[in-house]
Amino acid sequence: MSVKEEIKVEGTTVPVYRYTENGITYYEFDTSKLGPPEPMVNALAVLKLLDSPDKRAVMINHKKPMGLFDRIGDKYDYQIEEIDGKYRITFKIKE
């Protein structure tokens, strides 16, 4: 894994980190300590960066963001992993 570099993403209230693995660029952010609507606000800002199939957004959250899934399901695919009581959701643009 390459080094995680903090980047500025307009509209976010948490740090966003960019790194590359196997030719895929990841944008990772943690909203697990935030209450509504901040997790969705941050996710929508980061998802704007996914303009090609070789980019992913990784959200760490305290629960499954069902309201977010309802809003973005037509444009993005996502996978959910539960890790230590938190959820790691990886998003990619639909091809």
N, C-alpha and C. Protein backbone atom coordinates (compact mmCIF):
# COMPACT_ATOMS: atom_id res chain seq x y z
N MET A 1 0.85 -1.19 0.00
CA MET A 1 0.00 0.00 0.00
C MET A 1 0.88 1.24 0.00
N SER A 2 0.48 2.23 -0.76
CA SER A 2 1.24 3.47 -0.78
C SER A 2 0.90 4.30 0.45
N VAL A 3 1.65 5.36 0.64
CA VAL A 3 1.46 6.24 1.79
C VAL A 3 0.14 6.99 1.64
N LYS A 4 -0.59 7.12 2.75
CA LYS A 4 -1.83 7.89 2.74
C LYS A 4 -1.48 9.37 2.84
N GLU A 5 -2.02 10.14 1.92
CA GLU A 5 -1.76 11.58 1.86
C GLU A 5 -3.07 12.29 2.13
N GLU A 6 -3.07 13.21 3.11
CA GLU A 6 -4.29 13.97 3.39
C GLU A 6 -4.50 15.00 2.28
N ILE A 7 -5.73 15.05 1.78
CA ILE A 7 -6.06 16.02 0.74
C ILE A 7 -7.26 16.84 1.20
N LYS A 8 -7.41 18.01 0.60
CA LYS A 8 -8.54 18.88 0.90
C LYS A 8 -9.65 18.58 -0.10
N VAL A 9 -10.84 18.27 0.42
CA VAL A 9 -11.99 18.04 -0.44
C VAL A 9 -13.07 19.03 -0.03
N GLU A 10 -13.48 19.85 -0.96
CA GLU A 10 -14.47 20.88 -0.67
C GLU A 10 -15.76 20.25 -0.15
N GLY A 11 -16.26 20.80 0.98
CA GLY A 11 -17.51 20.32 1.55
C GLY A 11 -17.36 19.29 2.64
N THR A 12 -16.12 18.83 2.90
CA THR A 12 -15.94 17.82 3.94
C THR A 12 -15.63 18.47 5.29
N THR A 13 -15.96 17.77 6.36
CA THR A 13 -15.67 18.24 7.72
C THR A 13 -14.73 17.29 8.45
N VAL A 14 -14.25 16.26 7.74
CA VAL A 14 -13.29 15.31 8.29
C VAL A 14 -12.10 15.21 7.34
N PRO A 15 -10.94 14.74 7.83
CA PRO A 15 -9.81 14.55 6.92
C PRO A 15 -10.12 13.47 5.87
N VAL A 16 -9.63 13.70 4.67
CA VAL A 16 -9.76 12.73 3.58
C VAL A 16 -8.34 12.36 3.15
N TYR A 17 -8.10 11.05 3.04
CA TYR A 17 -6.78 10.55 2.68
C TYR A 17 -6.83 9.85 1.33
N ARG A 18 -5.83 10.13 0.51
CA ARG A 18 -5.72 9.50 -0.81
C ARG A 18 -4.53 8.55 -0.79
N TYR A 19 -4.73 7.36 -1.36
CA TYR A 19 -3.64 6.41 -1.54
C TYR A 19 -3.96 5.53 -2.74
N THR A 20 -2.94 4.84 -3.24
CA THR A 20 -3.11 3.99 -4.41
C THR A 20 -2.68 2.57 -4.07
N GLU A 21 -3.48 1.61 -4.52
CA GLU A 21 -3.21 0.19 -4.33
C GLU A 21 -3.58 -0.54 -5.61
N ASN A 22 -2.64 -1.29 -6.18
CA ASN A 22 -2.92 -2.07 -7.39
C ASN A 22 -3.57 -1.26 -8.51
N GLY A 23 -3.10 -0.04 -8.70
CA GLY A 23 -3.62 0.81 -9.77
C GLY A 23 -4.95 1.47 -9.48
N ILE A 24 -5.49 1.28 -8.29
CA ILE A 24 -6.75 1.89 -7.89
C ILE A 24 -6.44 3.02 -6.91
N THR A 25 -7.02 4.20 -7.14
CA THR A 25 -6.88 5.32 -6.22
C THR A 25 -8.03 5.31 -5.24
N TYR A 26 -7.71 5.37 -3.94
CA TYR A 26 -8.70 5.35 -2.87
C TYR A 26 -8.75 6.70 -2.18
N TYR A 27 -9.96 7.11 -1.79
CA TYR A 27 -10.19 8.31 -0.99
C TYR A 27 -10.89 7.83 0.28
N GLU A 28 -10.19 7.89 1.41
CA GLU A 28 -10.71 7.31 2.65
C GLU A 28 -11.03 8.40 3.66
N PHE A 29 -12.16 8.23 4.36
CA PHE A 29 -12.56 9.19 5.38
C PHE A 29 -13.35 8.46 6.47
N ASP A 30 -13.31 9.02 7.69
CA ASP A 30 -13.93 8.38 8.85
C ASP A 30 -14.98 9.32 9.43
N THR A 31 -16.25 8.89 9.36
CA THR A 31 -17.34 9.68 9.92
C THR A 31 -17.97 8.97 11.13
N SER A 32 -17.26 8.01 11.70
CA SER A 32 -17.84 7.17 12.75
C SER A 32 -18.15 7.92 14.04
N LYS A 33 -17.58 9.09 14.24
CA LYS A 33 -17.85 9.86 15.45
C LYS A 33 -18.83 11.01 15.20
N LEU A 34 -19.39 11.08 14.00
CA LEU A 34 -20.28 12.18 13.64
C LEU A 34 -21.74 11.75 13.65
N GLY A 35 -22.61 12.71 13.91
CA GLY A 35 -24.04 12.47 13.83
C GLY A 35 -24.60 13.06 12.55
N PRO A 36 -25.85 12.71 12.24
CA PRO A 36 -26.49 13.22 11.03
C PRO A 36 -26.55 14.75 11.06
N PRO A 37 -26.40 15.38 9.92
CA PRO A 37 -26.28 14.82 8.56
C PRO A 37 -24.84 14.69 8.08
N GLU A 38 -23.86 14.87 8.99
CA GLU A 38 -22.47 14.96 8.55
C GLU A 38 -21.93 13.75 7.79
N PRO A 39 -22.24 12.51 8.20
CA PRO A 39 -21.73 11.40 7.39
C PRO A 39 -22.18 11.47 5.92
N MET A 40 -23.45 11.80 5.69
CA MET A 40 -23.93 11.89 4.32
C MET A 40 -23.31 13.08 3.59
N VAL A 41 -23.19 14.21 4.26
CA VAL A 41 -22.59 15.41 3.64
C VAL A 41 -21.16 15.10 3.20
N ASN A 42 -20.39 14.47 4.08
CA ASN A 42 -19.00 14.13 3.74
C ASN A 42 -18.95 13.12 2.61
N ALA A 43 -19.79 12.10 2.68
CA ALA A 43 -19.79 11.06 1.64
C ALA A 43 -20.14 11.66 0.27
N LEU A 44 -21.14 12.51 0.21
CA LEU A 44 -21.53 13.09 -1.07
C LEU A 44 -20.41 13.96 -1.64
N ALA A 45 -19.67 14.64 -0.78
CA ALA A 45 -18.54 15.46 -1.25
C ALA A 45 -17.43 14.58 -1.82
N VAL A 46 -17.11 13.48 -1.13
CA VAL A 46 -16.02 12.60 -1.58
C VAL A 46 -16.44 11.82 -2.82
N LEU A 47 -17.69 11.41 -2.89
CA LEU A 47 -18.14 10.64 -4.06
C LEU A 47 -17.99 11.41 -5.37
N LYS A 48 -17.99 12.73 -5.29
CA LYS A 48 -17.79 13.55 -6.50
C LYS A 48 -16.42 13.30 -7.14
N LEU A 49 -15.46 12.79 -6.35
CA LEU A 49 -14.12 12.51 -6.87
C LEU A 49 -14.08 11.25 -7.74
N LEU A 50 -15.11 10.42 -7.66
CA LEU A 50 -15.11 9.15 -8.38
C LEU A 50 -15.60 9.36 -9.81
N ASP A 51 -14.69 9.78 -10.66
CA ASP A 51 -15.04 10.10 -12.05
C ASP A 51 -14.56 9.05 -13.04
N SER A 52 -14.02 7.93 -12.52
CA SER A 52 -13.57 6.86 -13.40
C SER A 52 -13.60 5.54 -12.64
N PRO A 53 -13.61 4.41 -13.36
CA PRO A 53 -13.71 3.09 -12.72
C PRO A 53 -12.49 2.71 -11.87
N ASP A 54 -11.39 3.46 -11.98
CA ASP A 54 -10.20 3.10 -11.20
C ASP A 54 -10.06 3.95 -9.93
N LYS A 55 -11.19 4.47 -9.43
CA LYS A 55 -11.20 5.25 -8.18
C LYS A 55 -12.25 4.68 -7.24
N ARG A 56 -11.97 4.73 -5.95
CA ARG A 56 -12.88 4.23 -4.92
C ARG A 56 -12.93 5.22 -3.77
N ALA A 57 -14.07 5.28 -3.11
CA ALA A 57 -14.21 6.02 -1.85
C ALA A 57 -14.40 5.00 -0.75
N VAL A 58 -13.72 5.19 0.38
CA VAL A 58 -13.83 4.29 1.52
C VAL A 58 -14.30 5.11 2.71
N MET A 59 -15.49 4.77 3.19
CA MET A 59 -16.11 5.47 4.32
C MET A 59 -16.10 4.54 5.53
N ILE A 60 -15.63 5.05 6.65
CA ILE A 60 -15.71 4.32 7.92
C ILE A 60 -16.84 5.00 8.71
N ASN A 61 -17.84 4.22 9.12
CA ASN A 61 -18.98 4.81 9.81
C ASN A 61 -19.43 3.89 10.94
N HIS A 62 -20.17 4.42 11.88
CA HIS A 62 -20.63 3.66 13.04
C HIS A 62 -21.85 2.80 12.73
N LYS A 63 -22.50 3.05 11.59
CA LYS A 63 -23.65 2.24 11.17
C LYS A 63 -23.74 2.26 9.65
N LYS A 64 -24.57 1.40 9.10
CA LYS A 64 -24.79 1.41 7.66
C LYS A 64 -25.59 2.66 7.29
N PRO A 65 -25.07 3.50 6.41
CA PRO A 65 -25.77 4.75 6.05
C PRO A 65 -26.88 4.49 5.02
N MET A 66 -28.00 3.95 5.51
CA MET A 66 -29.08 3.54 4.61
C MET A 66 -29.64 4.70 3.78
N GLY A 67 -29.76 5.87 4.41
CA GLY A 67 -30.26 7.04 3.68
C GLY A 67 -29.34 7.42 2.53
N LEU A 68 -28.04 7.28 2.74
CA LEU A 68 -27.07 7.55 1.69
C LEU A 68 -27.22 6.53 0.56
N PHE A 69 -27.36 5.26 0.92
CA PHE A 69 -27.51 4.22 -0.11
C PHE A 69 -28.73 4.51 -0.98
N ASP A 70 -29.83 4.94 -0.36
CA ASP A 70 -31.04 5.26 -1.11
C ASP A 70 -30.79 6.38 -2.12
N ARG A 71 -29.97 7.35 -1.75
CA ARG A 71 -29.71 8.50 -2.61
C ARG A 71 -28.76 8.21 -3.77
N ILE A 72 -27.82 7.29 -3.57
CA ILE A 72 -26.74 7.14 -4.55
C ILE A 72 -26.77 5.81 -5.30
N GLY A 73 -27.72 4.95 -4.98
CA GLY A 73 -27.74 3.60 -5.52
C GLY A 73 -27.80 3.49 -7.03
N ASP A 74 -28.33 4.51 -7.69
CA ASP A 74 -28.41 4.46 -9.15
C ASP A 74 -27.09 4.81 -9.83
N LYS A 75 -26.17 5.44 -9.09
CA LYS A 75 -24.92 5.90 -9.70
C LYS A 75 -23.68 5.15 -9.20
N TYR A 76 -23.75 4.62 -7.97
CA TYR A 76 -22.58 3.99 -7.36
C TYR A 76 -22.91 2.58 -6.86
N ASP A 77 -21.93 1.68 -6.98
CA ASP A 77 -21.98 0.38 -6.33
C ASP A 77 -21.22 0.50 -5.02
N TYR A 78 -21.55 -0.36 -4.05
CA TYR A 78 -20.83 -0.31 -2.79
C TYR A 78 -20.78 -1.69 -2.16
N GLN A 79 -19.73 -1.89 -1.36
CA GLN A 79 -19.53 -3.12 -0.58
C GLN A 79 -19.40 -2.71 0.87
N ILE A 80 -19.95 -3.53 1.76
CA ILE A 80 -19.93 -3.23 3.19
C ILE A 80 -19.18 -4.33 3.93
N GLU A 81 -18.24 -3.92 4.80
CA GLU A 81 -17.55 -4.86 5.69
C GLU A 81 -17.75 -4.36 7.11
N GLU A 82 -18.04 -5.26 8.04
CA GLU A 82 -18.11 -4.88 9.44
C GLU A 82 -16.76 -5.19 10.07
N ILE A 83 -16.15 -4.18 10.70
CA ILE A 83 -14.83 -4.33 11.31
C ILE A 83 -14.87 -3.68 12.69
N ASP A 84 -14.71 -4.49 13.73
CA ASP A 84 -14.65 -3.99 15.11
C ASP A 84 -15.83 -3.08 15.46
N GLY A 85 -17.04 -3.47 15.06
CA GLY A 85 -18.23 -2.70 15.40
C GLY A 85 -18.47 -1.48 14.54
N LYS A 86 -17.62 -1.25 13.58
CA LYS A 86 -17.81 -0.15 12.63
C LYS A 86 -18.01 -0.75 11.25
N TYR A 87 -18.44 0.09 10.33
CA TYR A 87 -18.66 -0.36 8.96
C TYR A 87 -17.69 0.33 8.02
N ARG A 88 -17.08 -0.45 7.14
CA ARG A 88 -16.18 0.07 6.10
C ARG A 88 -16.92 -0.13 4.78
N ILE A 89 -17.32 1.00 4.20
CA ILE A 89 -18.10 0.94 2.96
C ILE A 89 -17.21 1.45 1.83
N THR A 90 -17.04 0.62 0.81
CA THR A 90 -16.23 0.98 -0.35
C THR A 90 -17.15 1.25 -1.52
N PHE A 91 -17.06 2.45 -2.08
CA PHE A 91 -17.92 2.87 -3.19
C PHE A 91 -17.13 2.93 -4.48
N LYS A 92 -17.79 2.62 -5.58
CA LYS A 92 -17.22 2.86 -6.91
C LYS A 92 -18.34 3.26 -7.86
N ILE A 93 -17.96 4.01 -8.87
CA ILE A 93 -18.94 4.47 -9.85
C ILE A 93 -19.40 3.27 -10.67
N LYS A 94 -20.68 3.23 -11.00
CA LYS A 94 -21.19 2.13 -11.82
C LYS A 94 -20.63 2.26 -13.23
N GLU A 95 -20.26 1.12 -13.81
CA GLU A 95 -19.68 1.16 -15.15
C GLU A 95 -20.76 0.99 -16.21
